[in-house]
Amino acid sequence: MINIDNALLRQLLLIERPWEVRQYRLDVRKRRCDVWIAQEPERGWFGRPKSAPVSETAVWQHLAIGQIRFHLHVNIPMGFDSKGIGWMGESGMPFTRALAARVFALFSEGISLQSVCGLLDLNLQDVWNYRFALDTGRAGGADFEAPTRPAVPVPAVSLAVPASVASAVPDITDPVWLRLLGGELKLDIKVLSLKLMLAKLRSQMDLIQDEEVRLMKLKELHRYFVKNERVLIHELNQLRLG
């Protein structure tokens, strides 16, 4: 059994007072460390701890350290506002805000569910649940900047077009994409996969209010056109006319 000082573990996880690590359980074989966290107890006369407030326990997976995955069991007082605390997460979500920011960044670059799981060593079901929450408007985008750690390698995917070939796909900043997603711009679509994709994205946009997630959806549509430009000539001719 490897022993780690609780105070050192609190520093490694970037947990600040009045929060403290109460205990942990490390399983080296499974590369998993469960950590129990709570606020330091208030003390009254003669240093005696006061009765603890009513609380609930939430469990989130946090950023890994090396090859060890961390799962935080946080004892949260009722009514406590955890907004902005990176090692906590949103209610019902599988990841802390710091880890969710990493996952969201990969989704925004068009990385698939399976690749996200491989890059960050995450459970497929947890990643799917988080993605579903984004798609149905139950989770927001990356509103937390994760602390600096070694960057996660992202597969190099070049969308550049050779200089000799001019792309017919409008730039992602062109307002035409918002008009298309919002249903304001109607296209005569001959490609079935585009019809299905637009129907899915438009239904999701009706539910999503977070601007970062809406931008992710716009990028998803733009990448589809870039990837399938050769078979979307009929649609792109209409798109350029706006």
C-alpha atoms as a PDB file:
ATOM      1  CA  MET A   1       0.000   0.000   0.000  1.00  0.00           C
ATOM      2  CA  ILE A   2       1.373   3.408  -1.019  1.00  0.00           C
ATOM      3  CA  ASN A   3       0.851   6.088   1.634  1.00  0.00           C
ATOM      4  CA  ILE A   4       0.249   9.701   0.636  1.00  0.00           C
ATOM      5  CA  ASP A   5      -0.092  12.546   3.100  1.00  0.00           C
ATOM      6  CA  ASN A   6      -3.636  13.970   2.938  1.00  0.00           C
ATOM      7  CA  ALA A   7      -2.338  17.539   2.917  1.00  0.00           C
ATOM      8  CA  LEU A   8      -0.039  16.756  -0.035  1.00  0.00           C
ATOM      9  CA  LEU A   9      -2.896  15.110  -1.907  1.00  0.00           C
ATOM     10  CA  ARG A  10      -5.030  18.215  -1.327  1.00  0.00           C
ATOM     11  CA  GLN A  11      -2.286  20.347  -2.907  1.00  0.00           C
ATOM     12  CA  LEU A  12      -1.863  17.995  -5.871  1.00  0.00           C
ATOM     13  CA  LEU A  13      -5.592  18.214  -6.580  1.00  0.00           C
ATOM     14  CA  LEU A  14      -5.515  22.031  -6.197  1.00  0.00           C
ATOM     15  CA  ILE A  15      -8.054  21.949  -3.368  1.00  0.00           C
ATOM     16  CA  GLU A  16      -8.047  25.071  -1.223  1.00  0.00           C
ATOM     17  CA  ARG A  17      -9.140  25.598   2.365  1.00  0.00           C
ATOM     18  CA  PRO A  18     -11.589  25.364   4.018  1.00  0.00           C
ATOM     19  CA  TRP A  19     -11.789  22.078   2.094  1.00  0.00           C
ATOM     20  CA  GLU A  20      -9.667  19.146   3.152  1.00  0.00           C
ATOM     21  CA  VAL A  21      -8.981  15.559   2.151  1.00  0.00           C
ATOM     22  CA  ARG A  22     -10.500  13.277   4.773  1.00  0.00           C
ATOM     23  CA  GLN A  23      -9.348   9.956   3.350  1.00  0.00           C
ATOM     24  CA  TYR A  24      -8.438   8.217   0.125  1.00  0.00           C
ATOM     25  CA  ARG A  25      -8.242   4.740  -1.339  1.00  0.00           C
ATOM     26  CA  LEU A  26      -5.617   4.008  -3.994  1.00  0.00           C
ATOM     27  CA  ASP A  27      -5.786   0.931  -6.191  1.00  0.00           C
ATOM     28  CA  VAL A  28      -2.572   0.862  -8.219  1.00  0.00           C
ATOM     29  CA  ARG A  29      -3.617  -2.216 -10.200  1.00  0.00           C
ATOM     30  CA  LYS A  30      -6.778  -0.478 -11.413  1.00  0.00           C
ATOM     31  CA  ARG A  31      -4.969   2.884 -11.675  1.00  0.00           C
ATOM     32  CA  ARG A  32      -7.747   4.492  -9.614  1.00  0.00           C
ATOM     33  CA  CYS A  33      -7.732   6.703  -6.548  1.00  0.00           C
ATOM     34  CA  ASP A  34     -10.950   7.570  -4.692  1.00  0.00           C
ATOM     35  CA  VAL A  35     -10.687  10.687  -2.542  1.00  0.00           C
ATOM     36  CA  TRP A  36     -13.187  11.844   0.097  1.00  0.00           C
ATOM     37  CA  ILE A  37     -13.345  15.624   0.544  1.00  0.00           C
ATOM     38  CA  ALA A  38     -15.235  17.817   3.000  1.00  0.00           C
ATOM     39  CA  GLN A  39     -14.998  21.229   4.616  1.00  0.00           C
ATOM     40  CA  GLU A  40     -12.921  21.595   7.746  1.00  0.00           C
ATOM     41  CA  PRO A  41     -15.268  21.448  10.751  1.00  0.00           C
ATOM     42  CA  GLU A  42     -16.013  24.654  12.589  1.00  0.00           C
ATOM     43  CA  ARG A  43     -14.810  24.589  16.174  1.00  0.00           C
ATOM     44  CA  GLY A  44     -16.339  26.086  19.269  1.00  0.00           C
ATOM     45  CA  TRP A  45     -15.151  26.309  22.859  1.00  0.00           C
ATOM     46  CA  PHE A  46     -12.000  24.351  23.723  1.00  0.00           C
ATOM     47  CA  GLY A  47     -11.541  23.442  20.056  1.00  0.00           C
ATOM     48  CA  ARG A  48     -14.476  21.099  19.977  1.00  0.00           C
ATOM     49  CA  PRO A  49     -15.960  20.652  16.486  1.00  0.00           C
ATOM     50  CA  LYS A  50     -19.449  22.054  16.005  1.00  0.00           C
ATOM     51  CA  SER A  51     -22.182  19.862  14.598  1.00  0.00           C
ATOM     52  CA  ALA A  52     -21.758  19.425  10.846  1.00  0.00           C
ATOM     53  CA  PRO A  53     -24.350  21.113   8.580  1.00  0.00           C
ATOM     54  CA  VAL A  54     -26.736  19.010   6.537  1.00  0.00           C
ATOM     55  CA  SER A  55     -24.945  17.944   3.372  1.00  0.00           C
ATOM     56  CA  GLU A  56     -25.046  15.671   0.360  1.00  0.00           C
ATOM     57  CA  THR A  57     -22.288  13.699  -1.342  1.00  0.00           C
ATOM     58  CA  ALA A  58     -21.505  14.087  -5.035  1.00  0.00           C
ATOM     59  CA  VAL A  59     -19.043  11.961  -6.990  1.00  0.00           C
ATOM     60  CA  TRP A  60     -17.117  13.262 -10.004  1.00  0.00           C
ATOM     61  CA  GLN A  61     -14.153  12.025 -11.991  1.00  0.00           C
ATOM     62  CA  HIS A  62     -11.337  14.573 -11.960  1.00  0.00           C
ATOM     63  CA  LEU A  63      -8.231  15.198 -14.046  1.00  0.00           C
ATOM     64  CA  ALA A  64      -5.819  12.282 -13.946  1.00  0.00           C
ATOM     65  CA  ILE A  65      -2.345  12.636 -12.460  1.00  0.00           C
ATOM     66  CA  GLY A  66       0.012  10.507 -14.490  1.00  0.00           C
ATOM     67  CA  GLN A  67      -1.697   7.159 -15.070  1.00  0.00           C
ATOM     68  CA  ILE A  68      -3.929   7.442 -11.998  1.00  0.00           C
ATOM     69  CA  ARG A  69      -7.601   8.349 -12.467  1.00  0.00           C
ATOM     70  CA  PHE A  70      -9.091  10.355  -9.597  1.00  0.00           C
ATOM     71  CA  HIS A  71     -12.699  10.077  -8.425  1.00  0.00           C
ATOM     72  CA  LEU A  72     -13.705  12.717  -5.892  1.00  0.00           C
ATOM     73  CA  HIS A  73     -16.416  12.065  -3.294  1.00  0.00           C
ATOM     74  CA  VAL A  74     -17.314  15.567  -2.135  1.00  0.00           C
ATOM     75  CA  ASN A  75     -19.434  16.234   0.948  1.00  0.00           C
ATOM     76  CA  ILE A  76     -21.255  19.450  -0.015  1.00  0.00           C
ATOM     77  CA  PRO A  77     -23.301  21.509   2.473  1.00  0.00           C
ATOM     78  CA  MET A  78     -26.872  22.069   1.332  1.00  0.00           C
ATOM     79  CA  GLY A  79     -27.199  25.302  -0.618  1.00  0.00           C
ATOM     80  CA  PHE A  80     -23.463  25.644  -1.253  1.00  0.00           C
ATOM     81  CA  ASP A  81     -22.643  27.443  -4.534  1.00  0.00           C
ATOM     82  CA  SER A  82     -19.765  25.590  -6.197  1.00  0.00           C
ATOM     83  CA  LYS A  83     -19.677  27.722  -9.352  1.00  0.00           C
ATOM     84  CA  GLY A  84     -16.112  28.317 -10.553  1.00  0.00           C
ATOM     85  CA  ILE A  85     -14.558  25.535  -8.477  1.00  0.00           C
ATOM     86  CA  GLY A  86     -12.739  23.340 -10.978  1.00  0.00           C
ATOM     87  CA  TRP A  87     -12.485  20.194  -8.885  1.00  0.00           C
ATOM     88  CA  MET A  88     -16.261  20.159  -8.426  1.00  0.00           C
ATOM     89  CA  GLY A  89     -18.829  19.529 -11.144  1.00  0.00           C
ATOM     90  CA  GLU A  90     -22.421  20.193 -12.047  1.00  0.00           C
ATOM     91  CA  SER A  91     -25.198  18.188 -10.447  1.00  0.00           C
ATOM     92  CA  GLY A  92     -25.819  14.923 -12.275  1.00  0.00           C
ATOM     93  CA  MET A  93     -22.682  15.242 -14.430  1.00  0.00           C
ATOM     94  CA  PRO A  94     -19.928  12.575 -14.396  1.00  0.00           C
ATOM     95  CA  PHE A  95     -16.922  14.943 -14.522  1.00  0.00           C
ATOM     96  CA  THR A  96     -15.523  17.854 -12.550  1.00  0.00           C
ATOM     97  CA  ARG A  97     -15.513  21.189 -14.361  1.00  0.00           C
ATOM     98  CA  ALA A  98     -11.778  20.888 -15.025  1.00  0.00           C
ATOM     99  CA  LEU A  99     -12.155  17.500 -16.702  1.00  0.00           C
ATOM    100  CA  ALA A 100     -15.361  18.526 -18.493  1.00  0.00           C
ATOM    101  CA  ALA A 101     -13.442  21.464 -20.002  1.00  0.00           C
ATOM    102  CA  ARG A 102     -10.935  19.008 -21.498  1.00  0.00           C
ATOM    103  CA  VAL A 103     -13.682  16.787 -22.888  1.00  0.00           C
ATOM    104  CA  PHE A 104     -15.604  19.756 -24.311  1.00  0.00           C
ATOM    105  CA  ALA A 105     -12.466  21.095 -26.036  1.00  0.00           C
ATOM    106  CA  LEU A 106     -12.005  17.773 -27.833  1.00  0.00           C
ATOM    107  CA  PHE A 107     -15.664  17.633 -28.855  1.00  0.00           C
ATOM    108  CA  SER A 108     -15.336  21.161 -30.247  1.00  0.00           C
ATOM    109  CA  GLU A 109     -12.489  19.953 -32.472  1.00  0.00           C
ATOM    110  CA  GLY A 110     -14.644  17.168 -33.871  1.00  0.00           C
ATOM    111  CA  ILE A 111     -13.006  14.320 -31.957  1.00  0.00           C
ATOM    112  CA  SER A 112     -15.264  11.258 -31.719  1.00  0.00           C
ATOM    113  CA  LEU A 113     -16.613   9.716 -28.520  1.00  0.00           C
ATOM    114  CA  GLN A 114     -14.326   6.718 -28.821  1.00  0.00           C
ATOM    115  CA  SER A 115     -11.255   8.880 -29.450  1.00  0.00           C
ATOM    116  CA  VAL A 116     -12.068  11.118 -26.471  1.00  0.00           C
ATOM    117  CA  CYS A 117     -12.256   8.013 -24.293  1.00  0.00           C
ATOM    118  CA  GLY A 118      -8.881   6.845 -25.576  1.00  0.00           C
ATOM    119  CA  LEU A 119      -7.136  10.200 -25.269  1.00  0.00           C
ATOM    120  CA  LEU A 120      -8.363  10.918 -21.738  1.00  0.00           C
ATOM    121  CA  ASP A 121      -8.746   7.312 -20.527  1.00  0.00           C
ATOM    122  CA  LEU A 122     -12.446   7.734 -19.753  1.00  0.00           C
ATOM    123  CA  ASN A 123     -15.397   5.384 -19.539  1.00  0.00           C
ATOM    124  CA  LEU A 124     -17.476   5.401 -22.735  1.00  0.00           C
ATOM    125  CA  GLN A 125     -20.770   5.530 -20.828  1.00  0.00           C
ATOM    126  CA  ASP A 126     -19.665   8.607 -18.858  1.00  0.00           C
ATOM    127  CA  VAL A 127     -18.514  10.413 -22.003  1.00  0.00           C
ATOM    128  CA  TRP A 128     -21.760   9.507 -23.781  1.00  0.00           C
ATOM    129  CA  ASN A 129     -23.818  10.809 -20.845  1.00  0.00           C
ATOM    130  CA  TYR A 130     -21.903  14.096 -20.882  1.00  0.00           C
ATOM    131  CA  ARG A 131     -22.296  14.466 -24.648  1.00  0.00           C
ATOM    132  CA  PHE A 132     -26.024  13.712 -24.383  1.00  0.00           C
ATOM    133  CA  ALA A 133     -26.350  16.403 -21.701  1.00  0.00           C
ATOM    134  CA  LEU A 134     -24.666  18.898 -24.049  1.00  0.00           C
ATOM    135  CA  ASP A 135     -26.894  17.918 -26.973  1.00  0.00           C
ATOM    136  CA  THR A 136     -30.085  18.255 -24.944  1.00  0.00           C
ATOM    137  CA  GLY A 137     -29.208  21.578 -23.304  1.00  0.00           C
ATOM    138  CA  ARG A 138     -28.713  20.136 -19.798  1.00  0.00           C
ATOM    139  CA  ALA A 139     -25.018  21.036 -19.685  1.00  0.00           C
ATOM    140  CA  GLY A 140     -23.162  24.173 -20.683  1.00  0.00           C
ATOM    141  CA  GLY A 141     -19.873  24.590 -22.467  1.00  0.00           C
ATOM    142  CA  ALA A 142     -16.417  24.974 -21.011  1.00  0.00           C
ATOM    143  CA  ASP A 143     -16.906  27.838 -18.526  1.00  0.00           C
ATOM    144  CA  PHE A 144     -13.792  26.818 -16.607  1.00  0.00           C
ATOM    145  CA  GLU A 145     -10.159  27.025 -17.701  1.00  0.00           C
ATOM    146  CA  ALA A 146      -8.376  23.903 -16.525  1.00  0.00           C
ATOM    147  CA  PRO A 147      -5.029  24.356 -14.757  1.00  0.00           C
ATOM    148  CA  THR A 148      -1.945  23.964 -16.898  1.00  0.00           C
ATOM    149  CA  ARG A 149      -0.795  20.384 -17.224  1.00  0.00           C
ATOM    150  CA  PRO A 150       0.841  18.411 -20.042  1.00  0.00           C
ATOM    151  CA  ALA A 151      -1.355  18.860 -23.078  1.00  0.00           C
ATOM    152  CA  VAL A 152      -3.511  15.998 -24.256  1.00  0.00           C
ATOM    153  CA  PRO A 153      -2.345  14.933 -27.731  1.00  0.00           C
ATOM    154  CA  VAL A 154      -4.994  15.630 -30.335  1.00  0.00           C
ATOM    155  CA  PRO A 155      -4.881  13.810 -33.674  1.00  0.00           C
ATOM    156  CA  ALA A 156      -3.682  16.138 -36.386  1.00  0.00           C
ATOM    157  CA  VAL A 157      -6.556  16.681 -38.778  1.00  0.00           C
ATOM    158  CA  SER A 158      -5.890  19.138 -41.562  1.00  0.00           C
ATOM    159  CA  LEU A 159      -8.861  20.762 -43.216  1.00  0.00           C
ATOM    160  CA  ALA A 160      -6.652  22.910 -45.409  1.00  0.00           C
ATOM    161  CA  VAL A 161      -7.368  22.971 -49.130  1.00  0.00           C
ATOM    162  CA  PRO A 162      -4.440  22.975 -51.609  1.00  0.00           C
ATOM    163  CA  ALA A 163      -3.655  26.421 -52.929  1.00  0.00           C
ATOM    164  CA  SER A 164      -4.513  25.302 -56.453  1.00  0.00           C
ATOM    165  CA  VAL A 165      -8.023  24.320 -55.404  1.00  0.00           C
ATOM    166  CA  ALA A 166     -10.386  27.013 -54.162  1.00  0.00           C
ATOM    167  CA  SER A 167     -12.848  25.753 -51.540  1.00  0.00           C
ATOM    168  CA  ALA A 168     -16.509  26.456 -52.164  1.00  0.00           C
ATOM    169  CA  VAL A 169     -17.318  26.133 -48.448  1.00  0.00           C
ATOM    170  CA  PRO A 170     -17.950  29.539 -46.801  1.00  0.00           C
ATOM    171  CA  ASP A 171     -15.753  30.429 -43.839  1.00  0.00           C
ATOM    172  CA  ILE A 172     -17.031  29.307 -40.456  1.00  0.00           C
ATOM    173  CA  THR A 173     -17.520  32.967 -39.476  1.00  0.00           C
ATOM    174  CA  ASP A 174     -19.985  33.514 -42.345  1.00  0.00           C
ATOM    175  CA  PRO A 175     -23.505  34.287 -40.990  1.00  0.00           C
ATOM    176  CA  VAL A 176     -24.934  31.857 -43.527  1.00  0.00           C
ATOM    177  CA  TRP A 177     -24.229  28.961 -41.126  1.00  0.00           C
ATOM    178  CA  LEU A 178     -26.408  30.417 -38.391  1.00  0.00           C
ATOM    179  CA  ARG A 179     -29.174  31.037 -40.911  1.00  0.00           C
ATOM    180  CA  LEU A 180     -28.929  27.435 -42.100  1.00  0.00           C
ATOM    181  CA  LEU A 181     -28.945  26.008 -38.590  1.00  0.00           C
ATOM    182  CA  GLY A 182     -31.786  28.248 -37.500  1.00  0.00           C
ATOM    183  CA  GLY A 183     -33.951  27.173 -40.437  1.00  0.00           C
ATOM    184  CA  GLU A 184     -34.094  30.670 -41.932  1.00  0.00           C
ATOM    185  CA  LEU A 185     -32.176  29.493 -45.004  1.00  0.00           C
ATOM    186  CA  LYS A 186     -33.907  26.700 -46.914  1.00  0.00           C
ATOM    187  CA  LEU A 187     -31.890  24.446 -49.214  1.00  0.00           C
ATOM    188  CA  ASP A 188     -32.936  21.928 -51.817  1.00  0.00           C
ATOM    189  CA  ILE A 189     -30.958  19.018 -50.360  1.00  0.00           C
ATOM    190  CA  LYS A 190     -30.188  15.927 -52.419  1.00  0.00           C
ATOM    191  CA  VAL A 191     -27.801  14.220 -49.965  1.00  0.00           C
ATOM    192  CA  LEU A 192     -29.719  12.158 -47.403  1.00  0.00           C
ATOM    193  CA  SER A 193     -26.996  12.286 -44.743  1.00  0.00           C
ATOM    194  CA  LEU A 194     -27.109  16.103 -44.806  1.00  0.00           C
ATOM    195  CA  LYS A 195     -30.906  16.068 -44.419  1.00  0.00           C
ATOM    196  CA  LEU A 196     -30.605  13.820 -41.380  1.00  0.00           C
ATOM    197  CA  MET A 197     -27.763  15.872 -39.895  1.00  0.00           C
ATOM    198  CA  LEU A 198     -29.591  19.180 -40.299  1.00  0.00           C
ATOM    199  CA  ALA A 199     -32.744  17.760 -38.734  1.00  0.00           C
ATOM    200  CA  LYS A 200     -30.738  16.505 -35.752  1.00  0.00           C
ATOM    201  CA  LEU A 201     -28.777  19.728 -35.278  1.00  0.00           C
ATOM    202  CA  ARG A 202     -31.841  21.954 -35.567  1.00  0.00           C
ATOM    203  CA  SER A 203     -33.728  19.940 -32.954  1.00  0.00           C
ATOM    204  CA  GLN A 204     -30.701  20.187 -30.651  1.00  0.00           C
ATOM    205  CA  MET A 205     -30.357  23.945 -31.210  1.00  0.00           C
ATOM    206  CA  ASP A 206     -33.969  24.367 -30.048  1.00  0.00           C
ATOM    207  CA  LEU A 207     -32.901  22.936 -26.664  1.00  0.00           C
ATOM    208  CA  ILE A 208     -29.424  24.436 -26.295  1.00  0.00           C
ATOM    209  CA  GLN A 209     -29.087  27.917 -24.782  1.00  0.00           C
ATOM    210  CA  ASP A 210     -25.368  27.922 -23.946  1.00  0.00           C
ATOM    211  CA  GLU A 211     -23.435  29.882 -26.590  1.00  0.00           C
ATOM    212  CA  GLU A 212     -20.327  27.677 -26.388  1.00  0.00           C
ATOM    213  CA  VAL A 213     -22.368  24.554 -27.104  1.00  0.00           C
ATOM    214  CA  ARG A 214     -24.239  26.287 -29.938  1.00  0.00           C
ATOM    215  CA  LEU A 215     -20.885  27.235 -31.458  1.00  0.00           C
ATOM    216  CA  MET A 216     -19.789  23.595 -31.169  1.00  0.00           C
ATOM    217  CA  LYS A 217     -22.846  22.597 -33.215  1.00  0.00           C
ATOM    218  CA  LEU A 218     -22.053  25.212 -35.844  1.00  0.00           C
ATOM    219  CA  LYS A 219     -18.500  23.851 -36.113  1.00  0.00           C
ATOM    220  CA  GLU A 220     -19.916  20.346 -36.497  1.00  0.00           C
ATOM    221  CA  LEU A 221     -22.016  21.417 -39.479  1.00  0.00           C
ATOM    222  CA  HIS A 222     -19.127  23.343 -41.050  1.00  0.00           C
ATOM    223  CA  ARG A 223     -16.777  20.341 -40.723  1.00  0.00           C
ATOM    224  CA  TYR A 224     -19.372  18.158 -42.448  1.00  0.00           C
ATOM    225  CA  PHE A 225     -19.425  20.478 -45.473  1.00  0.00           C
ATOM    226  CA  VAL A 226     -15.612  20.673 -45.611  1.00  0.00           C
ATOM    227  CA  LYS A 227     -15.282  16.886 -45.419  1.00  0.00           C
ATOM    228  CA  ASN A 228     -17.995  16.212 -48.015  1.00  0.00           C
ATOM    229  CA  GLU A 229     -17.495  19.190 -50.314  1.00  0.00           C
ATOM    230  CA  ARG A 230     -17.217  17.045 -53.456  1.00  0.00           C
ATOM    231  CA  VAL A 231     -20.702  15.561 -53.048  1.00  0.00           C
ATOM    232  CA  LEU A 232     -22.376  18.776 -51.875  1.00  0.00           C
ATOM    233  CA  ILE A 233     -21.900  20.887 -55.003  1.00  0.00           C
ATOM    234  CA  HIS A 234     -25.674  21.344 -55.482  1.00  0.00           C
ATOM    235  CA  GLU A 235     -26.140  22.449 -51.852  1.00  0.00           C
ATOM    236  CA  LEU A 236     -23.027  24.660 -51.806  1.00  0.00           C
ATOM    237  CA  ASN A 237     -24.160  26.554 -54.896  1.00  0.00           C
ATOM    238  CA  GLN A 238     -27.306  27.531 -52.980  1.00  0.00           C
ATOM    239  CA  LEU A 239     -25.360  28.241 -49.805  1.00  0.00           C
ATOM    240  CA  ARG A 240     -23.098  30.758 -51.563  1.00  0.00           C
ATOM    241  CA  LEU A 241     -26.152  32.633 -52.804  1.00  0.00           C
ATOM    242  CA  GLY A 242     -27.306  32.892 -49.180  1.00  0.00           C
END
